[in-house]
């Protein structure tokens, strides 16, 4: 059975979380972000 790695970043719209999510994406990783404000524009 094949396993897929998924990175979940909480606080991806904050200062530190944004850089973590961007770094993972630049490395070709799959990223999901969690937010308490779903109306906010997703910059990823």
PDB file of N, CA and C in Angstrom:
ATOM      1  N   UNK A   1       0.847  -1.174   0.000  1.00  0.00           N
ATOM      2  CA  UNK A   1       0.000   0.000   0.000  1.00  0.00           C
ATOM      3  C   UNK A   1       0.896   1.241   0.000  1.00  0.00           C
ATOM      4  N   UNK A   2       0.576   2.183  -0.859  1.00  0.00           N
ATOM      5  CA  UNK A   2       1.355   3.424  -0.964  1.00  0.00           C
ATOM      6  C   UNK A   2       0.856   4.444   0.053  1.00  0.00           C
ATOM      7  N   UNK A   3       1.786   5.132   0.676  1.00  0.00           N
ATOM      8  CA  UNK A   3       1.442   6.171   1.647  1.00  0.00           C
ATOM      9  C   UNK A   3       1.816   7.530   1.086  1.00  0.00           C
ATOM     10  N   UNK A   4       0.960   8.504   1.295  1.00  0.00           N
ATOM     11  CA  UNK A   4       1.230   9.869   0.857  1.00  0.00           C
ATOM     12  C   UNK A   4       1.424  10.745   2.085  1.00  0.00           C
ATOM     13  N   UNK A   5       2.476  11.549   2.056  1.00  0.00           N
ATOM     14  CA  UNK A   5       2.742  12.453   3.180  1.00  0.00           C
ATOM     15  C   UNK A   5       1.989  13.763   2.956  1.00  0.00           C
ATOM     16  N   UNK A   6       1.316  14.218   3.976  1.00  0.00           N
ATOM     17  CA  UNK A   6       0.583  15.474   3.928  1.00  0.00           C
ATOM     18  C   UNK A   6       1.015  16.320   5.113  1.00  0.00           C
ATOM     19  N   UNK A   7       1.431  17.539   4.848  1.00  0.00           N
ATOM     20  CA  UNK A   7       1.842  18.470   5.899  1.00  0.00           C
ATOM     21  C   UNK A   7       0.680  19.400   6.204  1.00  0.00           C
ATOM     22  N   UNK A   8       0.296  19.476   7.465  1.00  0.00           N
ATOM     23  CA  UNK A   8      -0.770  20.373   7.899  1.00  0.00           C
ATOM     24  C   UNK A   8      -0.126  21.483   8.713  1.00  0.00           C
ATOM     25  N   UNK A   9      -0.350  22.721   8.280  1.00  0.00           N
ATOM     26  CA  UNK A   9       0.245  23.874   8.956  1.00  0.00           C
ATOM     27  C   UNK A   9      -0.873  24.685   9.591  1.00  0.00           C
ATOM     28  N   UNK A  10      -0.874  24.735  10.918  1.00  0.00           N
ATOM     29  CA  UNK A  10      -1.814  25.608  11.615  1.00  0.00           C
ATOM     30  C   UNK A  10      -1.144  26.968  11.748  1.00  0.00           C
ATOM     31  N   UNK A  11      -1.907  28.006  11.649  1.00  0.00           N
ATOM     32  CA  UNK A  11      -1.333  29.347  11.738  1.00  0.00           C
ATOM     33  C   UNK A  11      -0.567  29.737  10.486  1.00  0.00           C
ATOM     34  N   UNK A  12      -0.968  29.201   9.331  1.00  0.00           N
ATOM     35  CA  UNK A  12      -0.242  29.471   8.086  1.00  0.00           C
ATOM     36  C   UNK A  12      -0.408  30.910   7.602  1.00  0.00           C
ATOM     37  N   UNK A  13      -1.298  31.651   8.212  1.00  0.00           N
ATOM     38  CA  UNK A  13      -1.468  33.049   7.821  1.00  0.00           C
ATOM     39  C   UNK A  13      -0.776  33.992   8.801  1.00  0.00           C
ATOM     40  N   UNK A  14      -0.092  33.407   9.788  1.00  0.00           N
ATOM     41  CA  UNK A  14       0.684  34.225  10.719  1.00  0.00           C
ATOM     42  C   UNK A  14       2.099  34.380  10.179  1.00  0.00           C
ATOM     43  N   UNK A  15       2.906  35.127  10.883  1.00  0.00           N
ATOM     44  CA  UNK A  15       4.263  35.418  10.409  1.00  0.00           C
ATOM     45  C   UNK A  15       5.086  34.147  10.219  1.00  0.00           C
ATOM     46  N   UNK A  16       5.236  33.355  11.250  1.00  0.00           N
ATOM     47  CA  UNK A  16       6.078  32.162  11.173  1.00  0.00           C
ATOM     48  C   UNK A  16       5.436  31.068  10.325  1.00  0.00           C
ATOM     49  N   UNK A  17       4.157  30.827  10.532  1.00  0.00           N
ATOM     50  CA  UNK A  17       3.462  29.775   9.794  1.00  0.00           C
ATOM     51  C   UNK A  17       3.495  29.983   8.296  1.00  0.00           C
ATOM     52  N   UNK A  18       3.438  31.241   7.874  1.00  0.00           N
ATOM     53  CA  UNK A  18       3.473  31.557   6.444  1.00  0.00           C
ATOM     54  C   UNK A  18       4.782  31.088   5.820  1.00  0.00           C
ATOM     55  N   UNK A  19       5.885  31.323   6.510  1.00  0.00           N
ATOM     56  CA  UNK A  19       7.191  30.931   5.976  1.00  0.00           C
ATOM     57  C   UNK A  19       7.370  29.415   5.978  1.00  0.00           C
ATOM     58  N   UNK A  20       6.813  28.759   6.971  1.00  0.00           N
ATOM     59  CA  UNK A  20       6.887  27.299   7.012  1.00  0.00           C
ATOM     60  C   UNK A  20       6.112  26.708   5.837  1.00  0.00           C
ATOM     61  N   UNK A  21       4.893  27.179   5.615  1.00  0.00           N
ATOM     62  CA  UNK A  21       4.077  26.671   4.512  1.00  0.00           C
ATOM     63  C   UNK A  21       4.740  26.952   3.166  1.00  0.00           C
ATOM     64  N   UNK A  22       5.264  28.154   2.977  1.00  0.00           N
ATOM     65  CA  UNK A  22       5.933  28.493   1.718  1.00  0.00           C
ATOM     66  C   UNK A  22       7.146  27.609   1.485  1.00  0.00           C
ATOM     67  N   UNK A  23       7.909  27.331   2.527  1.00  0.00           N
ATOM     68  CA  UNK A  23       9.106  26.487   2.400  1.00  0.00           C
ATOM     69  C   UNK A  23       8.724  25.067   1.998  1.00  0.00           C
ATOM     70  N   UNK A  24       7.715  24.521   2.647  1.00  0.00           N
ATOM     71  CA  UNK A  24       7.261  23.178   2.305  1.00  0.00           C
ATOM     72  C   UNK A  24       6.787  23.115   0.856  1.00  0.00           C
ATOM     73  N   UNK A  25       6.020  24.105   0.431  1.00  0.00           N
ATOM     74  CA  UNK A  25       5.542  24.138  -0.950  1.00  0.00           C
ATOM     75  C   UNK A  25       6.693  24.241  -1.941  1.00  0.00           C
ATOM     76  N   UNK A  26       7.699  25.041  -1.627  1.00  0.00           N
ATOM     77  CA  UNK A  26       8.848  25.191  -2.527  1.00  0.00           C
ATOM     78  C   UNK A  26       9.653  23.898  -2.634  1.00  0.00           C
ATOM     79  N   UNK A  27       9.531  23.030  -1.633  1.00  0.00           N
ATOM     80  CA  UNK A  27      10.209  21.734  -1.648  1.00  0.00           C
ATOM     81  C   UNK A  27       9.360  20.665  -2.340  1.00  0.00           C
ATOM     82  N   UNK A  28       8.195  21.079  -2.867  1.00  0.00           N
ATOM     83  CA  UNK A  28       7.326  20.145  -3.569  1.00  0.00           C
ATOM     84  C   UNK A  28       6.434  19.316  -2.661  1.00  0.00           C
ATOM     85  N   UNK A  29       6.330  19.714  -1.410  1.00  0.00           N
ATOM     86  CA  UNK A  29       5.508  18.986  -0.443  1.00  0.00           C
ATOM     87  C   UNK A  29       4.041  19.383  -0.586  1.00  0.00           C
ATOM     88  N   UNK A  30       3.155  18.461  -0.220  1.00  0.00           N
ATOM     89  CA  UNK A  30       1.726  18.753  -0.199  1.00  0.00           C
ATOM     90  C   UNK A  30       1.398  19.395   1.143  1.00  0.00           C
ATOM     91  N   UNK A  31       0.678  20.516   1.101  1.00  0.00           N
ATOM     92  CA  UNK A  31       0.399  21.288   2.313  1.00  0.00           C
ATOM     93  C   UNK A  31      -1.087  21.596   2.406  1.00  0.00           C
ATOM     94  N   UNK A  32      -1.619  21.461   3.601  1.00  0.00           N
ATOM     95  CA  UNK A  32      -2.974  21.914   3.915  1.00  0.00           C
ATOM     96  C   UNK A  32      -2.839  22.956   5.012  1.00  0.00           C
ATOM     97  N   UNK A  33      -3.620  24.007   4.896  1.00  0.00           N
ATOM     98  CA  UNK A  33      -3.592  25.043   5.921  1.00  0.00           C
ATOM     99  C   UNK A  33      -4.919  25.032   6.681  1.00  0.00           C
ATOM    100  N   UNK A  34      -4.855  25.399   7.935  1.00  0.00           N
ATOM    101  CA  UNK A  34      -6.046  25.506   8.769  1.00  0.00           C
ATOM    102  C   UNK A  34      -6.197  26.954   9.189  1.00  0.00           C
ATOM    103  N   UNK A  35      -7.426  27.438   9.144  1.00  0.00           N
ATOM    104  CA  UNK A  35      -7.668  28.819   9.534  1.00  0.00           C
ATOM    105  C   UNK A  35      -8.992  28.930  10.276  1.00  0.00           C
ATOM    106  N   UNK A  36      -9.054  29.872  11.154  1.00  0.00           N
ATOM    107  CA  UNK A  36     -10.296  30.169  11.849  1.00  0.00           C
ATOM    108  C   UNK A  36     -11.122  31.203  11.099  1.00  0.00           C
ATOM    109  N   UNK A  37     -10.551  31.709   9.999  1.00  0.00           N
ATOM    110  CA  UNK A  37     -11.234  32.730   9.191  1.00  0.00           C
ATOM    111  C   UNK A  37     -11.319  32.261   7.743  1.00  0.00           C
ATOM    112  N   UNK A  38     -12.287  31.420   7.411  1.00  0.00           N
ATOM    113  CA  UNK A  38     -12.388  30.878   6.057  1.00  0.00           C
ATOM    114  C   UNK A  38     -12.674  31.929   4.982  1.00  0.00           C
ATOM    115  N   UNK A  39     -13.126  33.119   5.378  1.00  0.00           N
ATOM    116  CA  UNK A  39     -13.388  34.179   4.407  1.00  0.00           C
ATOM    117  C   UNK A  39     -12.105  34.888   3.974  1.00  0.00           C
ATOM    118  N   UNK A  40     -11.012  34.634   4.663  1.00  0.00           N
ATOM    119  CA  UNK A  40      -9.729  35.270   4.354  1.00  0.00           C
ATOM    120  C   UNK A  40      -9.151  34.682   3.067  1.00  0.00           C
ATOM    121  N   UNK A  41      -8.561  35.528   2.235  1.00  0.00           N
ATOM    122  CA  UNK A  41      -7.972  35.074   0.974  1.00  0.00           C
ATOM    123  C   UNK A  41      -6.786  34.152   1.249  1.00  0.00           C
ATOM    124  N   UNK A  42      -6.737  33.039   0.519  1.00  0.00           N
ATOM    125  CA  UNK A  42      -5.633  32.086   0.658  1.00  0.00           C
ATOM    126  C   UNK A  42      -4.504  32.509  -0.268  1.00  0.00           C
ATOM    127  N   UNK A  43      -3.357  32.851   0.295  1.00  0.00           N
ATOM    128  CA  UNK A  43      -2.237  33.342  -0.509  1.00  0.00           C
ATOM    129  C   UNK A  43      -1.363  32.219  -1.049  1.00  0.00           C
ATOM    130  N   UNK A  44      -1.787  30.968  -0.854  1.00  0.00           N
ATOM    131  CA  UNK A  44      -0.998  29.849  -1.357  1.00  0.00           C
ATOM    132  C   UNK A  44      -1.631  29.357  -2.594  1.00  0.00           C
TER     133      UNK A  44
END
